[in-house]
Amino acid sequence: MSGIDGGEDETSWRGPRLRAETRQADGCLVMGLSGELDFMQKPEFRQWALGVVAAGHNAGNAGNAGNSDNSSDGGSAAPMVVLDLRGIEFFDSTGLSVVIALWKQARDAGGDLAVAGPPPICANMMRRTGLADHIAMGDTVAAAVAGAAILRRTRGDAAGDQAAAG
């Protein structure tokens, strides 16, 4: 499964044609996806992913990431979330709506979202819709994080700068 490296603080989600694994890396929450991100996966995956971002992927609450009350057990939002799409084989407008929802969730929590290895169709949709002006993209996780730091500086936003500096 390309684009997803497991870690010791890992949570995962599996649907019929989509797998997600999360890990902490350099102060960032990296959510690696493989398979197809389409309308068949959207409701369940979206709920799980939003819960993970909201919980900050704290090891103590990762198993309850889909629950709305997991913030009460000490989790805090990750300053930077990187959506690693290098393992995605199919991506449509439903996938784009998930990217937007995760970006909004991360921003609402005081963090940011970047996309690593977006499939060509995803990168094209993000550029055409103007999302690329707000969500950094890069070929690798490191490149996406660096791009996010540049976007934050250009918009005067300090959210998540400590993650990019690490």
C-alpha atoms as a PDB file:
ATOM      1  CA  MET A   1       0.000   0.000   0.000  1.00  0.00           C
ATOM      2  CA  SER A   2       2.021   2.964  -1.228  1.00  0.00           C
ATOM      3  CA  GLY A   3       2.025   6.235   0.609  1.00  0.00           C
ATOM      4  CA  ILE A   4       1.155   4.864   4.022  1.00  0.00           C
ATOM      5  CA  ASP A   5       3.760   4.113   6.635  1.00  0.00           C
ATOM      6  CA  GLY A   6       2.485   2.717   9.927  1.00  0.00           C
ATOM      7  CA  GLY A   7       3.573   4.128  13.269  1.00  0.00           C
ATOM      8  CA  GLU A   8       3.314   3.112  16.883  1.00  0.00           C
ATOM      9  CA  ASP A   9       0.479   5.594  17.558  1.00  0.00           C
ATOM     10  CA  GLU A  10      -1.654   4.408  14.653  1.00  0.00           C
ATOM     11  CA  THR A  11      -5.385   4.232  14.130  1.00  0.00           C
ATOM     12  CA  SER A  12      -7.019   2.929  11.010  1.00  0.00           C
ATOM     13  CA  TRP A  13     -10.294   2.747   9.132  1.00  0.00           C
ATOM     14  CA  ARG A  14     -11.261   0.231   6.478  1.00  0.00           C
ATOM     15  CA  GLY A  15     -14.174   0.357   4.066  1.00  0.00           C
ATOM     16  CA  PRO A  16     -15.030  -1.812   1.064  1.00  0.00           C
ATOM     17  CA  ARG A  17     -12.567  -0.017  -1.253  1.00  0.00           C
ATOM     18  CA  LEU A  18     -10.777   2.492   0.990  1.00  0.00           C
ATOM     19  CA  ARG A  19      -8.244   2.188   3.776  1.00  0.00           C
ATOM     20  CA  ALA A  20      -6.979   4.935   6.048  1.00  0.00           C
ATOM     21  CA  GLU A  21      -4.154   4.879   8.547  1.00  0.00           C
ATOM     22  CA  THR A  22      -3.025   7.723  10.741  1.00  0.00           C
ATOM     23  CA  ARG A  23       0.237   8.420  12.488  1.00  0.00           C
ATOM     24  CA  GLN A  24       2.051  11.268  14.162  1.00  0.00           C
ATOM     25  CA  ALA A  25       5.144  12.510  12.333  1.00  0.00           C
ATOM     26  CA  ASP A  26       7.165  15.629  13.146  1.00  0.00           C
ATOM     27  CA  GLY A  27       4.312  17.212  15.071  1.00  0.00           C
ATOM     28  CA  CYS A  28       1.806  16.529  12.301  1.00  0.00           C
ATOM     29  CA  LEU A  29      -1.109  14.144  12.018  1.00  0.00           C
ATOM     30  CA  VAL A  30      -0.576  12.218   8.785  1.00  0.00           C
ATOM     31  CA  MET A  31      -3.661  10.486   7.435  1.00  0.00           C
ATOM     32  CA  GLY A  32      -2.665   8.133   4.627  1.00  0.00           C
ATOM     33  CA  LEU A  33      -5.334   6.824   2.280  1.00  0.00           C
ATOM     34  CA  SER A  34      -5.299   3.988  -0.224  1.00  0.00           C
ATOM     35  CA  GLY A  35      -7.970   2.755  -2.589  1.00  0.00           C
ATOM     36  CA  GLU A  36     -10.979   4.682  -3.853  1.00  0.00           C
ATOM     37  CA  LEU A  37     -12.337   7.849  -2.272  1.00  0.00           C
ATOM     38  CA  ASP A  38     -15.814   8.028  -3.770  1.00  0.00           C
ATOM     39  CA  PHE A  39     -19.470   8.338  -2.803  1.00  0.00           C
ATOM     40  CA  MET A  40     -19.574   4.758  -1.515  1.00  0.00           C
ATOM     41  CA  GLN A  41     -17.018   5.594   1.188  1.00  0.00           C
ATOM     42  CA  LYS A  42     -18.028   9.120   2.056  1.00  0.00           C
ATOM     43  CA  PRO A  43     -20.428   9.007   5.024  1.00  0.00           C
ATOM     44  CA  GLU A  44     -18.604   6.519   7.246  1.00  0.00           C
ATOM     45  CA  PHE A  45     -15.092   7.590   6.307  1.00  0.00           C
ATOM     46  CA  ARG A  46     -15.904  11.281   6.603  1.00  0.00           C
ATOM     47  CA  GLN A  47     -17.317  10.814  10.122  1.00  0.00           C
ATOM     48  CA  TRP A  48     -14.262   8.821  11.205  1.00  0.00           C
ATOM     49  CA  ALA A  49     -11.767  11.244   9.637  1.00  0.00           C
ATOM     50  CA  LEU A  50     -13.428  14.347  11.094  1.00  0.00           C
ATOM     51  CA  GLY A  51     -13.412  12.690  14.505  1.00  0.00           C
ATOM     52  CA  VAL A  52      -9.709  11.887  14.237  1.00  0.00           C
ATOM     53  CA  VAL A  53      -8.875  15.473  13.260  1.00  0.00           C
ATOM     54  CA  ALA A  54     -11.084  16.898  16.023  1.00  0.00           C
ATOM     55  CA  ALA A  55      -9.483  14.623  18.615  1.00  0.00           C
ATOM     56  CA  GLY A  56      -5.981  15.515  17.512  1.00  0.00           C
ATOM     57  CA  HIS A  57      -5.225  11.818  17.143  1.00  0.00           C
ATOM     58  CA  ASN A  58      -4.449  11.433  20.827  1.00  0.00           C
ATOM     59  CA  ALA A  59      -3.544   7.777  21.449  1.00  0.00           C
ATOM     60  CA  GLY A  60      -5.907   7.685  24.401  1.00  0.00           C
ATOM     61  CA  ASN A  61      -8.953   8.674  22.371  1.00  0.00           C
ATOM     62  CA  ALA A  62      -8.091   7.397  18.899  1.00  0.00           C
ATOM     63  CA  GLY A  63     -10.388   4.427  19.282  1.00  0.00           C
ATOM     64  CA  ASN A  64     -13.285   6.772  19.979  1.00  0.00           C
ATOM     65  CA  ALA A  65     -12.401   9.199  17.226  1.00  0.00           C
ATOM     66  CA  GLY A  66     -15.834   8.976  15.628  1.00  0.00           C
ATOM     67  CA  ASN A  67     -17.587   9.981  18.846  1.00  0.00           C
ATOM     68  CA  SER A  68     -18.504  13.567  19.501  1.00  0.00           C
ATOM     69  CA  ASP A  69     -17.428  13.551  23.152  1.00  0.00           C
ATOM     70  CA  ASN A  70     -13.793  12.510  22.797  1.00  0.00           C
ATOM     71  CA  SER A  71     -12.480  16.010  23.438  1.00  0.00           C
ATOM     72  CA  SER A  72     -13.317  15.551  27.109  1.00  0.00           C
ATOM     73  CA  ASP A  73     -10.567  12.964  27.638  1.00  0.00           C
ATOM     74  CA  GLY A  74      -7.645  15.281  27.050  1.00  0.00           C
ATOM     75  CA  GLY A  75      -7.203  15.165  23.261  1.00  0.00           C
ATOM     76  CA  SER A  76      -6.132  18.325  21.495  1.00  0.00           C
ATOM     77  CA  ALA A  77      -6.240  19.102  17.814  1.00  0.00           C
ATOM     78  CA  ALA A  78      -3.107  18.511  15.785  1.00  0.00           C
ATOM     79  CA  PRO A  79      -1.628  21.809  14.545  1.00  0.00           C
ATOM     80  CA  MET A  80      -1.083  20.348  11.066  1.00  0.00           C
ATOM     81  CA  VAL A  81      -2.976  17.557   9.333  1.00  0.00           C
ATOM     82  CA  VAL A  82      -1.460  16.062   6.203  1.00  0.00           C
ATOM     83  CA  LEU A  83      -3.785  14.055   3.992  1.00  0.00           C
ATOM     84  CA  ASP A  84      -1.486  11.634   2.150  1.00  0.00           C
ATOM     85  CA  LEU A  85      -3.245  10.617  -1.059  1.00  0.00           C
ATOM     86  CA  ARG A  86      -0.339   8.786  -2.724  1.00  0.00           C
ATOM     87  CA  GLY A  87      -2.207   5.475  -2.383  1.00  0.00           C
ATOM     88  CA  ILE A  88      -5.468   6.721  -3.918  1.00  0.00           C
ATOM     89  CA  GLU A  89      -6.503   4.973  -7.142  1.00  0.00           C
ATOM     90  CA  PHE A  90      -9.808   6.796  -7.729  1.00  0.00           C
ATOM     91  CA  PHE A  91     -10.840  10.289  -6.657  1.00  0.00           C
ATOM     92  CA  ASP A  92     -13.954  12.244  -7.602  1.00  0.00           C
ATOM     93  CA  SER A  93     -15.918  15.255  -6.399  1.00  0.00           C
ATOM     94  CA  THR A  94     -16.909  13.315  -3.285  1.00  0.00           C
ATOM     95  CA  GLY A  95     -13.229  13.029  -2.428  1.00  0.00           C
ATOM     96  CA  LEU A  96     -12.865  16.765  -2.885  1.00  0.00           C
ATOM     97  CA  SER A  97     -15.757  17.379  -0.493  1.00  0.00           C
ATOM     98  CA  VAL A  98     -13.973  15.242   2.120  1.00  0.00           C
ATOM     99  CA  VAL A  99     -10.770  17.273   1.645  1.00  0.00           C
ATOM    100  CA  ILE A 100     -12.757  20.478   2.162  1.00  0.00           C
ATOM    101  CA  ALA A 101     -14.481  19.129   5.290  1.00  0.00           C
ATOM    102  CA  LEU A 102     -11.150  18.034   6.798  1.00  0.00           C
ATOM    103  CA  TRP A 103      -9.591  21.418   5.978  1.00  0.00           C
ATOM    104  CA  LYS A 104     -12.465  23.249   7.682  1.00  0.00           C
ATOM    105  CA  GLN A 105     -12.251  20.946  10.724  1.00  0.00           C
ATOM    106  CA  ALA A 106      -8.503  21.501  11.040  1.00  0.00           C
ATOM    107  CA  ARG A 107      -8.856  25.286  10.658  1.00  0.00           C
ATOM    108  CA  ASP A 108     -11.724  25.418  13.169  1.00  0.00           C
ATOM    109  CA  ALA A 109      -9.428  23.637  15.651  1.00  0.00           C
ATOM    110  CA  GLY A 110      -6.681  26.216  15.084  1.00  0.00           C
ATOM    111  CA  GLY A 111      -4.628  24.039  12.753  1.00  0.00           C
ATOM    112  CA  ASP A 112      -4.265  23.554   9.034  1.00  0.00           C
ATOM    113  CA  LEU A 113      -4.471  20.881   6.330  1.00  0.00           C
ATOM    114  CA  ALA A 114      -2.058  20.018   3.545  1.00  0.00           C
ATOM    115  CA  VAL A 115      -2.346  17.347   0.845  1.00  0.00           C
ATOM    116  CA  ALA A 116       0.549  15.052  -0.072  1.00  0.00           C
ATOM    117  CA  GLY A 117       0.667  13.180  -3.367  1.00  0.00           C
ATOM    118  CA  PRO A 118      -2.697  14.261  -4.738  1.00  0.00           C
ATOM    119  CA  PRO A 119      -3.823  12.285  -7.789  1.00  0.00           C
ATOM    120  CA  PRO A 120      -3.750  14.472 -10.922  1.00  0.00           C
ATOM    121  CA  ILE A 121      -7.551  14.814 -10.939  1.00  0.00           C
ATOM    122  CA  CYS A 122      -7.506  16.006  -7.311  1.00  0.00           C
ATOM    123  CA  ALA A 123      -4.732  18.535  -7.921  1.00  0.00           C
ATOM    124  CA  ASN A 124      -6.557  19.798 -10.998  1.00  0.00           C
ATOM    125  CA  MET A 125      -9.869  20.179  -9.122  1.00  0.00           C
ATOM    126  CA  MET A 126      -8.124  22.006  -6.283  1.00  0.00           C
ATOM    127  CA  ARG A 127      -6.451  24.439  -8.691  1.00  0.00           C
ATOM    128  CA  ARG A 128      -9.625  25.058 -10.730  1.00  0.00           C
ATOM    129  CA  THR A 129     -11.773  25.692  -7.655  1.00  0.00           C
ATOM    130  CA  GLY A 130      -9.189  27.933  -5.988  1.00  0.00           C
ATOM    131  CA  LEU A 131      -8.647  25.525  -3.075  1.00  0.00           C
ATOM    132  CA  ALA A 132      -4.956  25.304  -3.962  1.00  0.00           C
ATOM    133  CA  ASP A 133      -4.703  28.917  -2.781  1.00  0.00           C
ATOM    134  CA  HIS A 134      -5.753  27.743   0.698  1.00  0.00           C
ATOM    135  CA  ILE A 135      -4.662  24.094   0.954  1.00  0.00           C
ATOM    136  CA  ALA A 136      -1.022  23.333   0.210  1.00  0.00           C
ATOM    137  CA  MET A 137      -0.171  20.393  -2.020  1.00  0.00           C
ATOM    138  CA  GLY A 138       3.135  18.579  -2.402  1.00  0.00           C
ATOM    139  CA  ASP A 139       4.488  15.340  -3.812  1.00  0.00           C
ATOM    140  CA  THR A 140       5.539  14.178  -0.340  1.00  0.00           C
ATOM    141  CA  VAL A 141       4.413  14.816   3.226  1.00  0.00           C
ATOM    142  CA  ALA A 142       7.459  17.038   3.819  1.00  0.00           C
ATOM    143  CA  ALA A 143       6.765  19.054   0.660  1.00  0.00           C
ATOM    144  CA  ALA A 144       3.101  19.507   1.614  1.00  0.00           C
ATOM    145  CA  VAL A 145       4.062  20.708   5.110  1.00  0.00           C
ATOM    146  CA  ALA A 146       6.612  23.138   3.644  1.00  0.00           C
ATOM    147  CA  GLY A 147       3.976  24.427   1.208  1.00  0.00           C
ATOM    148  CA  ALA A 148       1.529  24.927   4.074  1.00  0.00           C
ATOM    149  CA  ALA A 149       4.120  26.989   5.961  1.00  0.00           C
ATOM    150  CA  ILE A 150       4.519  29.218   2.901  1.00  0.00           C
ATOM    151  CA  LEU A 151       0.736  29.648   2.567  1.00  0.00           C
ATOM    152  CA  ARG A 152       0.454  30.560   6.266  1.00  0.00           C
ATOM    153  CA  ARG A 153       3.177  33.191   5.929  1.00  0.00           C
ATOM    154  CA  THR A 154       1.539  34.730   2.868  1.00  0.00           C
ATOM    155  CA  ARG A 155      -1.810  34.982   4.650  1.00  0.00           C
ATOM    156  CA  GLY A 156      -0.256  36.046   7.969  1.00  0.00           C
ATOM    157  CA  ASP A 157      -1.476  32.949   9.795  1.00  0.00           C
ATOM    158  CA  ALA A 158       0.637  31.388  12.536  1.00  0.00           C
ATOM    159  CA  ALA A 159      -1.521  28.261  13.005  1.00  0.00           C
ATOM    160  CA  GLY A 160       0.624  25.186  12.956  1.00  0.00           C
ATOM    161  CA  ASP A 161       3.930  26.977  12.306  1.00  0.00           C
ATOM    162  CA  GLN A 162       5.593  25.008  15.106  1.00  0.00           C
ATOM    163  CA  ALA A 163       4.846  21.773  13.204  1.00  0.00           C
ATOM    164  CA  ALA A 164       6.382  23.092  10.007  1.00  0.00           C
ATOM    165  CA  ALA A 165       9.472  24.314  11.855  1.00  0.00           C
ATOM    166  CA  GLY A 166      10.078  20.828  13.374  1.00  0.00           C
END
